[in-house]
Amino acid sequence: MKRLIVGISGASGAIYGVRLLQVLRDVTDIETHLVMSQAARQTLSLETDFSLREVQALA
């Protein structure tokens, strides 16, 4: 099994990290982990309808 760390920073575009996690969730031989900065958490709430818990659950 391959492991992949997805990092989301405070830059605009947090939805791309979320979408990547959604796509990778269906790939059986990849284990994902998530790292988010505090600024990313703010950007996530401003730019998407996803909660922090929802995104964490994708990893």
C-alpha atoms as a PDB file:
ATOM      1  CA  MET A   1       0.000   0.000   0.000  1.00  0.00           C
ATOM      2  CA  LYS A   2       1.250   3.472  -0.876  1.00  0.00           C
ATOM      3  CA  ARG A   3       0.930   6.343   1.580  1.00  0.00           C
ATOM      4  CA  LEU A   4       0.237   9.883   0.468  1.00  0.00           C
ATOM      5  CA  ILE A   5       0.242  13.005   2.614  1.00  0.00           C
ATOM      6  CA  VAL A   6      -2.056  15.775   1.384  1.00  0.00           C
ATOM      7  CA  GLY A   7      -1.136  19.209   2.698  1.00  0.00           C
ATOM      8  CA  ILE A   8      -3.568  22.106   2.556  1.00  0.00           C
ATOM      9  CA  SER A   9      -2.247  25.586   3.285  1.00  0.00           C
ATOM     10  CA  GLY A  10      -4.041  28.857   3.807  1.00  0.00           C
ATOM     11  CA  ALA A  11      -3.752  29.815   0.152  1.00  0.00           C
ATOM     12  CA  SER A  12      -6.897  30.107  -1.900  1.00  0.00           C
ATOM     13  CA  GLY A  13      -7.972  26.827  -3.464  1.00  0.00           C
ATOM     14  CA  ALA A  14      -8.588  24.548  -0.478  1.00  0.00           C
ATOM     15  CA  ILE A  15     -11.291  22.845  -2.525  1.00  0.00           C
ATOM     16  CA  TYR A  16      -8.586  21.249  -4.693  1.00  0.00           C
ATOM     17  CA  GLY A  17      -7.148  19.456  -1.678  1.00  0.00           C
ATOM     18  CA  VAL A  18     -10.623  18.349  -0.643  1.00  0.00           C
ATOM     19  CA  ARG A  19     -11.368  17.060  -4.122  1.00  0.00           C
ATOM     20  CA  LEU A  20      -8.067  15.182  -4.227  1.00  0.00           C
ATOM     21  CA  LEU A  21      -8.968  13.442  -0.971  1.00  0.00           C
ATOM     22  CA  GLN A  22     -12.388  12.546  -2.381  1.00  0.00           C
ATOM     23  CA  VAL A  23     -10.870  10.987  -5.497  1.00  0.00           C
ATOM     24  CA  LEU A  24      -8.139   9.130  -3.612  1.00  0.00           C
ATOM     25  CA  ARG A  25     -10.660   7.687  -1.179  1.00  0.00           C
ATOM     26  CA  ASP A  26     -11.862   5.368  -3.951  1.00  0.00           C
ATOM     27  CA  VAL A  27      -8.338   4.162  -4.788  1.00  0.00           C
ATOM     28  CA  THR A  28      -7.817   0.946  -2.868  1.00  0.00           C
ATOM     29  CA  ASP A  29      -4.012   0.854  -2.731  1.00  0.00           C
ATOM     30  CA  ILE A  30      -3.427   4.417  -1.464  1.00  0.00           C
ATOM     31  CA  GLU A  31      -3.593   5.427   2.188  1.00  0.00           C
ATOM     32  CA  THR A  32      -4.029   9.186   2.642  1.00  0.00           C
ATOM     33  CA  HIS A  33      -3.113  11.461   5.521  1.00  0.00           C
ATOM     34  CA  LEU A  34      -3.999  15.124   5.914  1.00  0.00           C
ATOM     35  CA  VAL A  35      -1.979  18.071   7.188  1.00  0.00           C
ATOM     36  CA  MET A  36      -3.737  21.445   7.422  1.00  0.00           C
ATOM     37  CA  SER A  37      -2.463  24.762   8.688  1.00  0.00           C
ATOM     38  CA  GLN A  38      -4.584  26.995  10.894  1.00  0.00           C
ATOM     39  CA  ALA A  39      -4.950  29.380   7.958  1.00  0.00           C
ATOM     40  CA  ALA A  40      -6.200  26.470   5.816  1.00  0.00           C
ATOM     41  CA  ARG A  41      -8.984  25.862   8.307  1.00  0.00           C
ATOM     42  CA  GLN A  42     -10.093  29.464   7.915  1.00  0.00           C
ATOM     43  CA  THR A  43      -9.852  29.295   4.125  1.00  0.00           C
ATOM     44  CA  LEU A  44     -11.840  26.055   4.123  1.00  0.00           C
ATOM     45  CA  SER A  45     -14.721  27.680   5.975  1.00  0.00           C
ATOM     46  CA  LEU A  46     -14.647  30.784   3.759  1.00  0.00           C
ATOM     47  CA  GLU A  47     -14.360  29.051   0.385  1.00  0.00           C
ATOM     48  CA  THR A  48     -16.274  25.775   0.792  1.00  0.00           C
ATOM     49  CA  ASP A  49     -19.307  24.253   2.441  1.00  0.00           C
ATOM     50  CA  PHE A  50     -17.184  21.493   3.998  1.00  0.00           C
ATOM     51  CA  SER A  51     -16.613  21.363   7.731  1.00  0.00           C
ATOM     52  CA  LEU A  52     -13.192  20.565   9.152  1.00  0.00           C
ATOM     53  CA  ARG A  53     -14.495  17.212  10.420  1.00  0.00           C
ATOM     54  CA  GLU A  54     -15.813  16.276   6.981  1.00  0.00           C
ATOM     55  CA  VAL A  55     -12.439  16.944   5.378  1.00  0.00           C
ATOM     56  CA  GLN A  56     -10.558  15.114   8.119  1.00  0.00           C
ATOM     57  CA  ALA A  57     -12.840  12.107   7.612  1.00  0.00           C
ATOM     58  CA  LEU A  58     -11.806  11.920   3.955  1.00  0.00           C
ATOM     59  CA  ALA A  59      -8.164  11.262   4.862  1.00  0.00           C
END
